[in-house]
Protein backbone atom coordinates (compact mmCIF):
# COMPACT_ATOMS: atom_id res chain seq x y z
CA MET A 1 27.80 -335.84 46.90
CA LYS A 2 24.86 -334.00 48.42
CA THR A 3 26.88 -330.79 48.47
CA VAL A 4 27.70 -331.16 44.76
CA ASN A 5 24.03 -331.70 43.89
CA ILE A 6 23.01 -328.59 45.81
CA PHE A 7 25.70 -326.57 44.01
CA LEU A 8 24.58 -327.81 40.60
CA PHE A 9 20.96 -327.10 41.42
CA GLY A 10 21.87 -323.59 42.47
CA MET A 11 23.79 -322.93 39.26
CA ALA A 12 20.88 -324.21 37.18
CA ALA A 13 18.47 -321.95 39.03
CA LEU A 14 20.80 -318.99 38.49
CA LEU A 15 21.04 -319.69 34.77
CA CYS A 16 17.28 -320.02 34.49
CA SER A 17 16.87 -316.80 36.40
CA CYS A 18 19.29 -315.00 34.03
CA GLU A 19 17.55 -316.45 30.99
CA ASN A 20 14.14 -315.34 32.20
CA LYS A 21 15.53 -311.94 33.04
CA ASP A 22 16.84 -311.53 29.48
CA LYS A 23 13.34 -312.15 28.19
CA VAL A 24 11.88 -309.24 30.16
CA TYR A 25 11.71 -306.41 27.63
CA ASP A 26 11.24 -302.73 28.39
CA ALA A 27 8.69 -302.08 25.62
CA SER A 28 6.97 -303.86 22.76
CA GLY A 29 5.61 -302.68 19.47
CA ILE A 30 5.20 -303.30 15.77
CA PHE A 31 7.67 -302.79 12.95
CA GLU A 32 6.51 -300.34 10.32
CA THR A 33 7.80 -298.58 7.23
CA THR A 34 6.71 -295.59 5.21
CA GLU A 35 4.64 -296.77 2.26
CA ILE A 36 4.21 -294.57 -0.82
CA ILE A 37 1.48 -295.06 -3.40
CA VAL A 38 2.76 -293.88 -6.79
CA SER A 39 -0.05 -292.51 -8.95
CA ALA A 40 -0.35 -291.46 -12.59
CA LYS A 41 0.18 -287.75 -13.28
CA THR A 42 -1.24 -287.71 -16.82
CA SER A 43 -3.93 -289.54 -18.73
CA GLY A 44 -3.40 -292.05 -21.52
CA GLU A 45 -2.68 -295.69 -22.24
CA ILE A 46 0.10 -297.28 -20.21
CA THR A 47 2.37 -298.38 -23.05
CA ASN A 48 5.05 -299.82 -20.79
CA LEU A 49 5.27 -300.89 -17.14
CA ASN A 50 8.30 -302.99 -16.16
CA ILE A 51 7.71 -303.71 -12.48
CA GLU A 52 6.76 -306.76 -10.43
CA GLU A 53 5.78 -307.13 -6.80
CA GLY A 54 8.85 -307.71 -4.66
CA GLN A 55 11.14 -306.00 -7.17
CA ASN A 56 13.75 -303.56 -5.87
CA VAL A 57 13.82 -300.31 -7.82
CA SER A 58 15.92 -297.16 -7.69
CA ALA A 59 14.66 -293.62 -7.41
CA ALA A 60 14.27 -291.66 -10.67
CA THR A 61 14.72 -294.82 -12.77
CA GLU A 62 12.24 -295.12 -15.65
CA LEU A 63 9.80 -297.92 -14.81
CA GLY A 64 7.12 -297.32 -17.40
CA VAL A 65 5.57 -294.83 -19.82
CA ILE A 66 2.11 -293.42 -20.43
CA ASP A 67 1.39 -292.76 -24.12
CA THR A 68 2.79 -289.36 -25.22
CA THR A 69 1.81 -289.38 -28.92
CA GLN A 70 -0.74 -286.57 -28.66
CA LEU A 71 1.60 -284.51 -26.50
CA PHE A 72 4.41 -284.91 -29.04
CA LEU A 73 2.15 -283.79 -31.91
CA LYS A 74 0.92 -280.80 -29.91
CA LYS A 75 4.51 -279.82 -29.11
CA LYS A 76 5.43 -280.07 -32.81
CA GLN A 77 2.51 -277.79 -33.72
CA LEU A 78 3.47 -275.24 -31.08
CA ALA A 79 7.09 -275.28 -32.23
CA ALA A 80 5.96 -274.41 -35.76
CA MET A 81 3.80 -271.57 -34.42
CA GLY A 82 6.71 -270.23 -32.42
CA LYS A 83 9.01 -270.30 -35.42
CA SER A 84 6.43 -268.46 -37.53
CA THR A 85 5.93 -265.81 -34.86
CA LYS A 86 9.63 -265.15 -34.45
CA SER A 87 10.04 -264.81 -38.24
CA ARG A 88 7.68 -261.80 -38.20
CA LEU A 89 9.90 -259.84 -35.85
CA VAL A 90 11.50 -256.90 -37.67
CA ASP A 91 14.81 -255.07 -37.28
CA LYS A 92 13.83 -251.54 -36.24
CA ASN A 93 17.14 -250.00 -37.21
CA LEU A 94 16.94 -251.49 -40.67
CA GLN A 95 13.32 -250.39 -41.16
CA LEU A 96 14.03 -246.83 -39.99
CA ALA A 97 17.32 -246.42 -41.82
CA THR A 98 15.73 -244.78 -44.89
CA ILE A 99 13.95 -242.06 -42.91
CA ARG A 100 17.06 -241.37 -40.82
CA GLN A 101 19.08 -240.98 -44.02
CA GLN A 102 16.51 -238.54 -45.44
CA ILE A 103 16.73 -236.47 -42.25
CA ILE A 104 20.54 -236.37 -42.52
CA ILE A 105 20.28 -235.16 -46.13
CA GLN A 106 17.73 -232.46 -45.23
CA VAL A 107 19.91 -231.25 -42.34
CA ARG A 108 22.85 -230.87 -44.77
CA GLU A 109 20.61 -228.96 -47.18
CA LYS A 110 19.48 -226.71 -44.34
CA ASN A 111 23.07 -225.91 -43.38
CA ARG A 112 23.93 -225.20 -47.04
CA PHE A 113 20.95 -222.88 -47.60
CA GLU A 114 21.60 -221.05 -44.33
CA LYS A 115 25.05 -220.16 -45.71
CA LEU A 116 23.47 -219.10 -49.00
CA VAL A 117 21.01 -216.87 -47.15
CA LYS A 118 23.88 -215.15 -45.40
CA ALA A 119 25.48 -214.59 -48.81
CA ASP A 120 22.13 -213.33 -50.20
CA ALA A 121 22.17 -216.24 -52.65
CA ALA A 122 18.96 -217.87 -51.29
CA SER A 123 15.79 -216.85 -49.53
CA GLN A 124 14.78 -217.55 -45.92
CA LYS A 125 11.64 -219.30 -47.22
CA GLN A 126 13.79 -222.02 -48.71
CA VAL A 127 15.39 -222.60 -45.28
CA ASP A 128 11.93 -222.65 -43.62
CA ASP A 129 10.71 -225.20 -46.16
CA ILE A 130 13.66 -227.47 -45.35
CA ASN A 131 12.99 -227.12 -41.59
CA TYR A 132 9.38 -228.13 -42.22
CA GLN A 133 10.54 -231.22 -44.17
CA ILE A 134 12.87 -232.15 -41.32
CA GLU A 135 10.02 -231.86 -38.77
CA VAL A 136 7.76 -234.04 -40.94
CA LEU A 137 10.47 -236.69 -41.31
CA GLN A 138 11.17 -236.67 -37.54
CA LYS A 139 7.45 -237.20 -36.80
CA GLN A 140 7.36 -240.03 -39.33
CA LEU A 141 10.44 -241.55 -37.69
CA LYS A 142 8.85 -241.40 -34.22
CA ALA A 143 5.50 -242.80 -35.37
CA GLN A 144 7.04 -245.65 -37.33
CA SER A 145 9.44 -246.44 -34.48
CA GLU A 146 6.52 -246.70 -32.02
CA GLN A 147 4.55 -248.84 -34.45
CA LEU A 148 7.45 -251.22 -34.98
CA SER A 149 8.11 -251.39 -31.21
CA ASN A 150 4.47 -252.25 -30.50
CA SER A 151 4.44 -254.85 -33.25
CA ASN A 152 7.65 -256.49 -32.01
CA SER A 153 6.41 -256.35 -28.41
CA SER A 154 3.16 -258.08 -29.40
CA LEU A 155 5.03 -260.74 -31.35
CA SER A 156 7.47 -261.25 -28.46
CA ASN A 157 4.56 -261.75 -26.04
CA GLU A 158 2.99 -264.21 -28.44
CA SER A 159 6.29 -266.07 -28.77
CA THR A 160 6.68 -266.14 -24.97
CA GLY A 161 3.18 -267.62 -24.69
CA VAL A 162 4.06 -270.33 -27.17
CA ASP A 163 7.30 -271.09 -25.31
CA ALA A 164 5.29 -271.39 -22.06
CA GLN A 165 2.90 -273.85 -23.72
CA ILE A 166 5.85 -275.90 -24.99
CA ALA A 167 7.28 -275.92 -21.46
CA GLN A 168 3.93 -277.23 -20.20
CA ILE A 169 3.97 -279.96 -22.84
CA ASN A 170 7.52 -280.91 -21.86
CA ASP A 171 6.43 -281.12 -18.22
CA GLN A 172 3.49 -283.34 -19.18
CA ILE A 173 5.78 -285.57 -21.24
CA ASN A 174 8.16 -285.81 -18.29
CA ASN A 175 5.22 -286.68 -16.01
CA SER A 176 4.23 -289.43 -18.44
CA ILE A 177 7.39 -291.31 -17.49
CA ILE A 178 6.60 -293.54 -14.51
CA LYS A 179 9.27 -293.35 -11.81
CA SER A 180 9.67 -294.22 -8.16
CA PRO A 181 10.30 -291.31 -5.79
CA ILE A 182 12.51 -293.46 -3.52
CA ASP A 183 14.79 -296.47 -3.53
CA GLY A 184 12.64 -299.31 -2.33
CA THR A 185 10.69 -302.50 -2.93
CA VAL A 186 7.45 -302.74 -4.88
CA LEU A 187 4.85 -304.01 -2.41
CA THR A 188 1.71 -303.97 -4.55
CA LYS A 189 1.08 -303.48 -8.27
CA TYR A 190 -2.33 -301.97 -9.02
CA THR A 191 -2.32 -301.74 -12.81
CA GLU A 192 -0.94 -303.45 -15.90
CA GLN A 193 0.47 -302.44 -19.27
CA GLY A 194 -2.28 -301.60 -21.75
CA GLU A 195 -4.67 -300.17 -19.18
CA TYR A 196 -5.81 -296.54 -19.34
CA ALA A 197 -4.40 -294.20 -16.73
CA THR A 198 -5.93 -291.02 -15.39
CA PRO A 199 -4.34 -288.42 -13.10
CA GLY A 200 -4.42 -289.76 -9.55
CA LYS A 201 -4.89 -293.41 -10.50
CA ALA A 202 -2.76 -295.65 -8.26
CA LEU A 203 -0.09 -297.54 -10.18
CA PHE A 204 1.91 -299.28 -7.46
CA LYS A 205 2.87 -299.13 -3.79
CA ILE A 206 6.51 -298.93 -2.74
CA ALA A 207 8.40 -298.79 0.55
CA ASN A 208 11.98 -298.68 1.72
CA ILE A 209 12.08 -301.88 3.77
CA SER A 210 15.83 -301.60 4.34
CA ASP A 211 15.21 -298.98 7.01
CA MET A 212 12.47 -300.11 9.38
CA LYS A 213 10.94 -298.31 12.34
CA LEU A 214 9.81 -300.10 15.49
CA ARG A 215 7.09 -298.06 17.18
CA VAL A 216 6.93 -298.82 20.89
CA TYR A 217 5.27 -297.17 23.87
CA ILE A 218 7.05 -296.36 27.11
CA THR A 219 6.01 -295.04 30.50
CA ALA A 220 6.96 -291.68 31.96
CA ASN A 221 9.52 -293.37 34.22
CA GLN A 222 11.24 -294.94 31.21
CA LEU A 223 11.17 -291.64 29.30
CA THR A 224 13.94 -290.24 31.48
CA LYS A 225 16.25 -293.03 30.30
CA LEU A 226 15.88 -292.29 26.58
CA LYS A 227 17.20 -289.64 24.22
CA ILE A 228 17.34 -289.15 20.46
CA GLY A 229 20.28 -291.01 18.92
CA GLN A 230 20.58 -293.49 21.78
CA LYS A 231 21.32 -297.10 20.82
CA VAL A 232 19.06 -299.85 22.18
CA ARG A 233 18.76 -303.60 21.77
CA VAL A 234 15.93 -304.64 19.46
CA PHE A 235 14.43 -308.13 19.31
CA ALA A 236 12.29 -309.31 16.38
CA ASP A 237 10.08 -312.37 16.28
CA GLN A 238 11.55 -315.25 14.28
CA GLY A 239 8.67 -317.70 14.62
CA ASN A 240 9.49 -321.02 16.27
CA THR A 241 13.21 -320.27 16.14
CA GLY A 242 12.85 -317.61 18.81
CA ARG A 243 13.89 -313.97 18.50
CA LYS A 244 16.68 -312.23 16.61
CA GLU A 245 18.59 -309.32 18.07
CA TYR A 246 19.38 -306.10 16.23
CA THR A 247 20.89 -302.77 17.14
CA GLY A 248 18.43 -299.92 17.00
CA VAL A 249 18.68 -296.14 17.35
CA ILE A 250 16.05 -293.92 18.95
CA SER A 251 14.96 -291.65 16.06
CA TRP A 252 11.84 -289.99 17.51
CA ILE A 253 10.15 -289.49 20.88
CA SER A 254 6.63 -288.15 21.15
CA GLU A 255 6.25 -284.88 23.04
CA GLN A 256 2.78 -285.75 24.23
CA ALA A 257 1.51 -288.68 26.26
CA GLU A 258 -1.40 -290.81 25.09
CA PHE A 259 -3.48 -293.65 26.41
CA THR A 260 -1.94 -297.09 26.06
CA PRO A 261 -3.05 -298.76 22.79
CA LYS A 262 -4.92 -301.98 23.43
CA THR A 263 -2.57 -303.99 21.23
CA ILE A 264 0.57 -302.72 22.94
CA GLN A 265 1.95 -303.90 26.27
CA THR A 266 4.42 -301.96 28.37
CA ARG A 267 6.56 -303.09 31.26
CA ASP A 268 4.12 -301.39 33.63
CA GLU A 269 0.71 -302.54 32.47
CA ARG A 270 -0.97 -300.37 35.10
CA ALA A 271 0.18 -297.20 33.34
CA ASN A 272 -2.59 -295.42 31.46
CA LEU A 273 -0.48 -292.77 29.76
CA VAL A 274 2.54 -293.67 27.63
CA TYR A 275 4.84 -291.99 25.11
CA ALA A 276 5.32 -293.23 21.56
CA VAL A 277 8.90 -293.88 20.50
CA LYS A 278 10.32 -294.83 17.11
CA VAL A 279 13.45 -296.95 16.89
CA ALA A 280 15.31 -297.05 13.56
CA VAL A 281 16.54 -300.53 12.64
CA LYS A 282 18.58 -301.67 9.64
CA ASN A 283 16.70 -304.56 8.08
CA ASP A 284 18.63 -307.65 6.96
CA GLY A 285 15.60 -308.93 5.10
CA TYR A 286 14.06 -310.90 7.95
CA ILE A 287 12.03 -308.06 9.47
CA LYS A 288 8.58 -307.58 7.94
CA ALA A 289 6.15 -304.70 8.36
CA GLY A 290 3.54 -305.59 10.97
CA MET A 291 5.87 -307.98 12.81
CA TYR A 292 6.07 -307.66 16.60
CA GLY A 293 9.30 -306.54 18.22
CA ASP A 294 10.67 -305.52 21.61
CA ILE A 295 13.38 -303.26 22.93
CA LYS A 296 15.64 -303.53 25.92
CA LEU A 297 17.30 -300.39 27.24
């Protein structure tokens, strides 16, 4: 009987020893996530804002609108100006057709009178007069062509300027639509529908809490056991119910050592210099930013 009791006592001690050993973690830290504050890009009244704290939203989905009435009216005015400018562009070939036709006629007359001169039926002065008329018409053609080119070029530049202004208005209208840059959860809502927004005014804070990062600090001795992409066991606090285990992946290791943060404990508390490490963890909804966690290599 005594032998049995000793055996049972030994087994219990072994189990306790294993249990205590499992609770010795290699590093501790705090769960964190990247938080993004979404701000207004234009000014105006917030005519619509369909978000609530705790709501999951998708990237590029329209969540609200800042009033675009003035922008729409300005765009309409610019469109009318652009249409008017383009209507003043002229067809050079059509405008110069008359002079070109006159030159063709004079060249024919010149050829005809040159034949008459050879037959002594016309004088050389008549041929010279026709050559002079041709030269005058050619100068007129060149001058009018340059004038029309300059006019069209000026109108084209004016039209391009109007198009650029319309593009700016379109960009401002697009910026008036409130969107989230990422898929995530709305953490804090800073403004409400009906309020006036100005560029840079914070509208809401969002974070992707599905992918959490546990930032821990390790000693130089532990550093040799870690590499990017390595899987580790992660334990998150669960209050009175104990700790919940997750699978984590080393996503970042600091290249420089730093002094141990006062709020962080490492396995070797005597170490002054430690390396920061980030462990990526898929969140099942129970991990919260700021919650303590541990890793076991």
